[in-house]
Amino acid sequence: MTPSTGKPDYKYAFSLLRNAQVFVESAVDYARQDYRHQWKFAILHLTTALELLLKARLAIADHKLLVAGKAQITARQFDEGDFKSVGIEECIERLDRTCGFSLNNHQRQVITTLRNLRNRVAHYIDPSADTPALKAAAAAGLNLFIEINNAEFRDEDRYGARTMPELVVDLHKYDDFVKERLSSLSERLHSAVRPRTRHTDECSHCLQDAAIIIDDEVQCLFCGQGIAVREFAELMSDDGTVETCPACGRPSVAKHQRKDCEPTYECFCCGYFRGAGLKWCDRNGAEIPRLHPVRR
């Protein structure tokens, strides 16, 4: 098959995207309930969400690519849904050939696992006895949906649906999802510029340690929430004042003033400080290093 030369009609892509978002919201709601007999519905809705998301991306290239095989259909048939659409595997193949969009082996395996589980559920084979496997598959699928959505549709109108950061925050207590997402982000976290101090160790939205610095913004890779470097420093500063760091050049030096002690001026990005020494303690009160030694 060769790419169509016709102009794509984006209304089909946006409709598919909207439906994908509705299904993934439902999957998240089932996952949050964490009831043994509800996980099969999370799998069903999540698999559908991923299929619709991939089809939305294909429709951006040309909505006619959604038609299975070589069938020719009219615009009316398309609007009425009177045609056979491509399956998820054929959709992935067409995306690769026509759009340069491809999935790696792990991502393909996630989809295969979800598809197989969906088939078991759809044919009345109750998988609820294997809840750990359902949770692991759902976690991987939710993370994959977020990755594709953020890469291909980050700036699209949400049609009133919850944003990806909101959905991620909803899932922050879902241990399997947290592990899967952090694992998928490990390379990016390792290669990114990250705050060297511990002020960003817990994102205020998702509670994860996944903050990076991009230009003049601090962004949590886990949930996608971001805040300007200056604004973060202003919130940290005891009097709201911020200085430009002489070491890294960012507007990131906040003032710490404790009672009658000498004030300390600290850059939360690179760790520069002057004034009284600073100490950090863990939740048990044990002193820990102020800076992350392996971050740059």
Protein backbone atom coordinates (compact mmCIF):
# COMPACT_ATOMS: atom_id res chain seq x y z
CA MET A 1 0.00 0.00 0.00
CA THR A 2 1.22 3.48 -0.78
CA PRO A 3 0.27 6.67 1.07
CA SER A 4 -2.88 8.37 -0.17
CA THR A 5 -2.40 11.66 -1.94
CA GLY A 6 -5.78 12.94 -0.75
CA LYS A 7 -6.04 15.61 1.92
CA PRO A 8 -6.72 14.21 5.39
CA ASP A 9 -9.96 15.15 7.10
CA TYR A 10 -8.95 15.87 10.68
CA LYS A 11 -12.48 15.57 12.04
CA TYR A 12 -12.09 11.78 12.00
CA ALA A 13 -8.75 11.93 13.80
CA PHE A 14 -10.12 14.24 16.49
CA SER A 15 -13.21 12.10 16.95
CA LEU A 16 -11.05 9.01 17.41
CA LEU A 17 -8.80 10.89 19.81
CA ARG A 18 -11.76 12.04 21.88
CA ASN A 19 -13.10 8.49 22.10
CA ALA A 20 -9.65 7.16 23.02
CA GLN A 21 -9.50 9.66 25.88
CA VAL A 22 -12.96 8.62 27.11
CA PHE A 23 -11.94 4.96 27.18
CA VAL A 24 -8.62 5.60 28.92
CA GLU A 25 -10.38 7.68 31.58
CA SER A 26 -12.70 4.76 32.20
CA ALA A 27 -9.73 2.37 32.41
CA VAL A 28 -8.07 4.65 34.95
CA ASP A 29 -11.24 4.79 37.04
CA TYR A 30 -11.42 0.99 37.13
CA ALA A 31 -7.73 0.76 38.02
CA ARG A 32 -8.16 3.21 40.89
CA GLN A 33 -11.01 1.15 42.35
CA ASP A 34 -8.64 -1.85 42.54
CA TYR A 35 -11.42 -4.42 42.85
CA ARG A 36 -10.49 -7.94 41.80
CA HIS A 37 -13.41 -8.37 39.39
CA GLN A 38 -13.05 -4.86 37.91
CA TRP A 39 -9.58 -5.26 36.44
CA LYS A 40 -10.96 -7.05 33.38
CA PHE A 41 -12.92 -3.91 32.51
CA ALA A 42 -9.76 -1.83 32.87
CA ILE A 43 -8.09 -4.16 30.35
CA LEU A 44 -11.03 -4.02 27.93
CA HIS A 45 -11.26 -0.23 27.97
CA LEU A 46 -7.51 0.32 27.91
CA THR A 47 -6.98 -1.93 24.88
CA THR A 48 -9.75 -0.07 23.06
CA ALA A 49 -8.23 3.27 24.06
CA LEU A 50 -4.84 2.32 22.62
CA GLU A 51 -6.36 1.06 19.38
CA LEU A 52 -8.35 4.28 18.93
CA LEU A 53 -5.31 6.41 19.75
CA LEU A 54 -3.22 4.67 17.09
CA LYS A 55 -6.05 5.01 14.59
CA ALA A 56 -6.31 8.72 15.41
CA ARG A 57 -2.64 9.10 14.50
CA LEU A 58 -3.20 7.18 11.26
CA ALA A 59 -6.22 9.33 10.39
CA ILE A 60 -4.08 12.45 10.60
CA ALA A 61 -2.10 11.13 7.62
CA ASP A 62 -5.28 10.18 5.74
CA HIS A 63 -8.54 8.91 7.20
CA LYS A 64 -8.93 6.56 4.20
CA LEU A 65 -6.06 4.52 5.63
CA LEU A 66 -8.48 3.40 8.35
CA VAL A 67 -10.30 1.19 5.85
CA ALA A 68 -9.21 -2.45 5.96
CA GLY A 69 -7.72 -4.01 2.85
CA LYS A 70 -8.19 -2.19 -0.45
CA ALA A 71 -11.88 -1.45 -0.18
CA GLN A 72 -13.15 1.81 -1.63
CA ILE A 73 -15.91 3.50 0.37
CA THR A 74 -17.89 6.69 0.05
CA ALA A 75 -17.84 9.64 2.43
CA ARG A 76 -21.36 8.69 3.53
CA GLN A 77 -20.26 5.16 4.38
CA PHE A 78 -17.41 6.60 6.40
CA ASP A 79 -19.67 8.95 8.33
CA GLU A 80 -22.12 6.13 9.05
CA GLY A 81 -19.40 3.67 10.04
CA ASP A 82 -20.46 1.33 7.23
CA PHE A 83 -17.05 -0.21 6.60
CA LYS A 84 -14.52 -2.60 8.09
CA SER A 85 -11.67 -0.76 9.76
CA VAL A 86 -8.09 -1.91 10.17
CA GLY A 87 -7.16 -4.00 13.18
CA ILE A 88 -4.52 -2.80 15.60
CA GLU A 89 -1.70 -4.80 13.95
CA GLU A 90 -2.52 -3.52 10.47
CA CYS A 91 -2.85 -0.01 11.89
CA ILE A 92 0.66 -0.22 13.35
CA GLU A 93 2.06 -1.48 10.03
CA ARG A 94 0.42 1.35 8.08
CA LEU A 95 1.68 3.91 10.59
CA ASP A 96 5.21 2.63 10.05
CA ARG A 97 4.93 2.69 6.23
CA THR A 98 3.09 5.97 5.78
CA CYS A 99 3.96 8.15 8.78
CA GLY A 100 7.35 6.99 9.99
CA PHE A 101 5.67 6.21 13.31
CA SER A 102 6.83 2.96 14.86
CA LEU A 103 6.72 1.10 18.16
CA ASN A 104 9.70 -0.61 19.73
CA ASN A 105 9.65 -4.29 20.69
CA HIS A 106 8.61 -3.61 24.28
CA GLN A 107 5.72 -1.41 23.20
CA ARG A 108 4.53 -4.02 20.70
CA GLN A 109 4.69 -6.67 23.41
CA VAL A 110 2.55 -4.50 25.68
CA ILE A 111 -0.11 -4.29 22.99
CA THR A 112 0.07 -8.03 22.28
CA THR A 113 -0.36 -8.85 25.96
CA LEU A 114 -3.33 -6.51 26.30
CA ARG A 115 -4.94 -7.86 23.14
CA ASN A 116 -4.62 -11.45 24.37
CA LEU A 117 -6.09 -10.54 27.75
CA ARG A 118 -8.94 -8.68 26.06
CA ASN A 119 -9.70 -11.77 23.99
CA ARG A 120 -9.85 -13.90 27.13
CA VAL A 121 -12.22 -11.44 28.78
CA ALA A 122 -14.39 -11.07 25.69
CA HIS A 123 -14.80 -14.84 25.41
CA TYR A 124 -15.98 -15.16 29.01
CA ILE A 125 -12.78 -16.59 30.39
CA ASP A 126 -12.59 -14.89 33.77
CA PRO A 127 -8.96 -13.83 34.42
CA SER A 128 -9.67 -12.23 37.81
CA ALA A 129 -7.83 -15.04 39.60
CA ASP A 130 -4.62 -13.71 38.04
CA THR A 131 -4.96 -10.14 39.30
CA PRO A 132 -1.19 -9.43 39.49
CA ALA A 133 -0.86 -10.15 35.76
CA LEU A 134 -3.83 -7.91 34.98
CA LYS A 135 -2.36 -5.10 37.06
CA ALA A 136 1.03 -5.40 35.40
CA ALA A 137 -0.49 -5.41 31.90
CA ALA A 138 -2.75 -2.45 32.71
CA ALA A 139 0.18 -0.51 34.15
CA ALA A 140 2.26 -1.04 31.03
CA GLY A 141 -0.68 -0.18 28.78
CA LEU A 142 -1.52 3.03 30.63
CA ASN A 143 2.08 4.12 30.44
CA LEU A 144 2.18 3.37 26.71
CA PHE A 145 -1.01 5.39 26.13
CA ILE A 146 0.52 8.35 27.95
CA GLU A 147 3.77 8.10 25.98
CA ILE A 148 2.00 8.03 22.59
CA ASN A 149 -0.46 10.75 23.55
CA ASN A 150 2.29 13.05 24.83
CA ALA A 151 4.41 12.47 21.73
CA GLU A 152 1.65 12.87 19.14
CA PHE A 153 -1.24 14.81 20.69
CA ARG A 154 0.13 16.89 23.57
CA ASP A 155 -1.27 20.19 22.25
CA GLU A 156 -4.66 18.95 21.08
CA ASP A 157 -7.97 20.13 22.55
CA ARG A 158 -9.02 17.80 25.34
CA TYR A 159 -12.76 18.13 24.73
CA GLY A 160 -13.24 18.62 28.46
CA ALA A 161 -11.51 15.35 29.33
CA ARG A 162 -8.95 15.06 32.09
CA THR A 163 -5.44 15.98 30.98
CA MET A 164 -2.66 13.40 30.92
CA PRO A 165 -1.03 14.95 34.03
CA GLU A 166 -4.37 14.66 35.84
CA LEU A 167 -4.72 11.02 34.86
CA VAL A 168 -1.17 10.26 35.99
CA VAL A 169 -1.81 11.91 39.34
CA ASP A 170 -4.93 9.77 39.69
CA LEU A 171 -2.69 6.71 39.32
CA HIS A 172 0.17 7.70 41.62
CA LYS A 173 -0.92 5.18 44.29
CA TYR A 174 -1.05 2.34 41.76
CA ASP A 175 2.30 0.67 42.50
CA ASP A 176 2.56 -1.33 39.27
CA PHE A 177 1.94 1.79 37.21
CA VAL A 178 4.50 3.79 39.18
CA LYS A 179 7.16 1.11 38.66
CA GLU A 180 6.39 0.79 34.95
CA ARG A 181 6.43 4.53 34.37
CA LEU A 182 9.65 5.15 36.28
CA SER A 183 11.30 2.29 34.40
CA SER A 184 10.25 3.77 31.05
CA LEU A 185 11.62 7.18 32.09
CA SER A 186 14.95 5.96 33.50
CA GLU A 187 17.05 6.79 30.42
CA ARG A 188 15.57 10.26 30.05
CA LEU A 189 16.05 10.96 33.75
CA HIS A 190 19.65 9.77 33.58
CA SER A 191 20.53 11.95 30.58
CA ALA A 192 18.58 15.08 31.59
CA VAL A 193 19.73 18.05 33.64
CA ARG A 194 18.18 17.54 37.08
CA PRO A 195 18.05 19.71 40.22
CA ARG A 196 20.95 18.76 42.45
CA THR A 197 19.24 19.79 45.68
CA ARG A 198 16.46 17.77 47.31
CA HIS A 199 13.77 20.44 47.05
CA THR A 200 12.18 18.69 44.05
CA ASP A 201 12.48 15.11 45.33
CA GLU A 202 8.70 14.86 45.70
CA CYS A 203 6.56 16.40 42.97
CA SER A 204 3.72 18.31 44.61
CA HIS A 205 1.28 16.61 42.22
CA CYS A 206 2.37 12.97 41.87
CA LEU A 207 4.89 12.71 44.77
CA GLN A 208 7.55 11.16 42.48
CA ASP A 209 11.21 12.11 42.19
CA ALA A 210 11.29 12.80 38.45
CA ALA A 211 12.04 16.50 38.08
CA ILE A 212 14.24 17.76 35.25
CA ILE A 213 15.28 21.24 34.12
CA ILE A 214 14.38 22.27 30.57
CA ASP A 215 15.41 25.81 29.68
CA ASP A 216 13.76 27.98 32.35
CA GLU A 217 11.28 25.39 33.58
CA VAL A 218 11.27 22.60 36.13
CA GLN A 219 9.20 19.74 34.77
CA CYS A 220 8.17 16.43 36.31
CA LEU A 221 8.65 13.73 33.70
CA PHE A 222 6.38 11.36 35.62
CA CYS A 223 3.21 13.44 35.50
CA GLY A 224 4.15 16.26 33.11
CA GLN A 225 3.47 19.13 35.50
CA GLY A 226 5.84 22.08 35.11
CA ILE A 227 6.67 25.35 36.78
CA ALA A 228 9.04 28.19 35.88
CA VAL A 229 12.40 28.08 37.64
CA ARG A 230 11.88 31.61 38.99
CA GLU A 231 8.39 30.80 40.27
CA PHE A 232 9.64 27.68 42.06
CA ALA A 233 12.42 29.70 43.69
CA GLU A 234 9.94 32.39 44.75
CA LEU A 235 7.80 29.76 46.46
CA MET A 236 10.88 28.44 48.28
CA SER A 237 12.20 31.83 49.34
CA ASP A 238 11.22 32.93 52.84
CA ASP A 239 10.60 36.50 51.68
CA GLY A 240 9.73 35.78 48.04
CA THR A 241 12.92 37.30 46.68
CA VAL A 242 15.01 35.54 44.03
CA GLU A 243 18.53 36.12 42.79
CA THR A 244 20.29 34.96 39.65
CA CYS A 245 22.67 32.13 40.47
CA PRO A 246 26.34 33.12 39.90
CA ALA A 247 27.16 29.47 39.19
CA CYS A 248 24.48 28.31 36.74
CA GLY A 249 22.98 31.64 35.65
CA ARG A 250 19.38 30.72 36.43
CA PRO A 251 16.91 32.86 38.45
CA SER A 252 16.95 30.17 41.10
CA VAL A 253 18.60 31.46 44.30
CA ALA A 254 16.14 31.59 47.21
CA LYS A 255 16.61 33.08 50.66
CA HIS A 256 16.30 30.84 53.74
CA GLN A 257 15.98 32.70 57.04
CA ARG A 258 15.50 30.84 60.32
CA LYS A 259 14.77 32.99 63.38
CA ASP A 260 17.84 35.04 64.26
CA CYS A 261 20.28 32.87 62.31
CA GLU A 262 22.37 34.16 59.45
CA PRO A 263 20.37 33.85 56.19
CA THR A 264 21.35 31.32 53.58
CA TYR A 265 21.04 31.90 49.85
CA GLU A 266 20.68 28.68 47.88
CA CYS A 267 20.24 27.73 44.24
CA PHE A 268 17.89 24.76 44.13
CA CYS A 269 19.10 23.88 40.63
CA CYS A 270 22.85 23.50 40.92
CA GLY A 271 23.31 23.63 44.70
CA TYR A 272 25.26 26.89 45.00
CA PHE A 273 24.85 28.54 48.39
CA ARG A 274 26.33 31.16 50.65
CA GLY A 275 25.74 31.90 54.29
CA ALA A 276 24.95 29.49 57.09
CA GLY A 277 25.33 25.79 56.36
CA LEU A 278 22.32 23.73 55.34
CA LYS A 279 21.41 20.26 56.59
CA TRP A 280 18.95 17.71 55.26
CA CYS A 281 17.40 14.85 57.20
CA ASP A 282 15.32 11.87 56.06
CA ARG A 283 11.90 11.01 57.45
CA ASN A 284 13.51 9.32 60.45
CA GLY A 285 15.62 12.36 61.31
CA ALA A 286 18.92 10.92 60.07
CA GLU A 287 21.15 13.43 58.31
CA ILE A 288 21.59 12.91 54.56
CA PRO A 289 23.73 14.72 51.95
CA ARG A 290 22.27 18.05 50.85
CA LEU A 291 23.04 17.39 47.18
CA HIS A 292 22.50 14.43 44.89
CA PRO A 293 26.10 13.49 44.06
CA VAL A 294 25.42 11.80 40.70
CA ARG A 295 23.41 14.60 39.13
CA ARG A 296 24.90 17.28 36.92
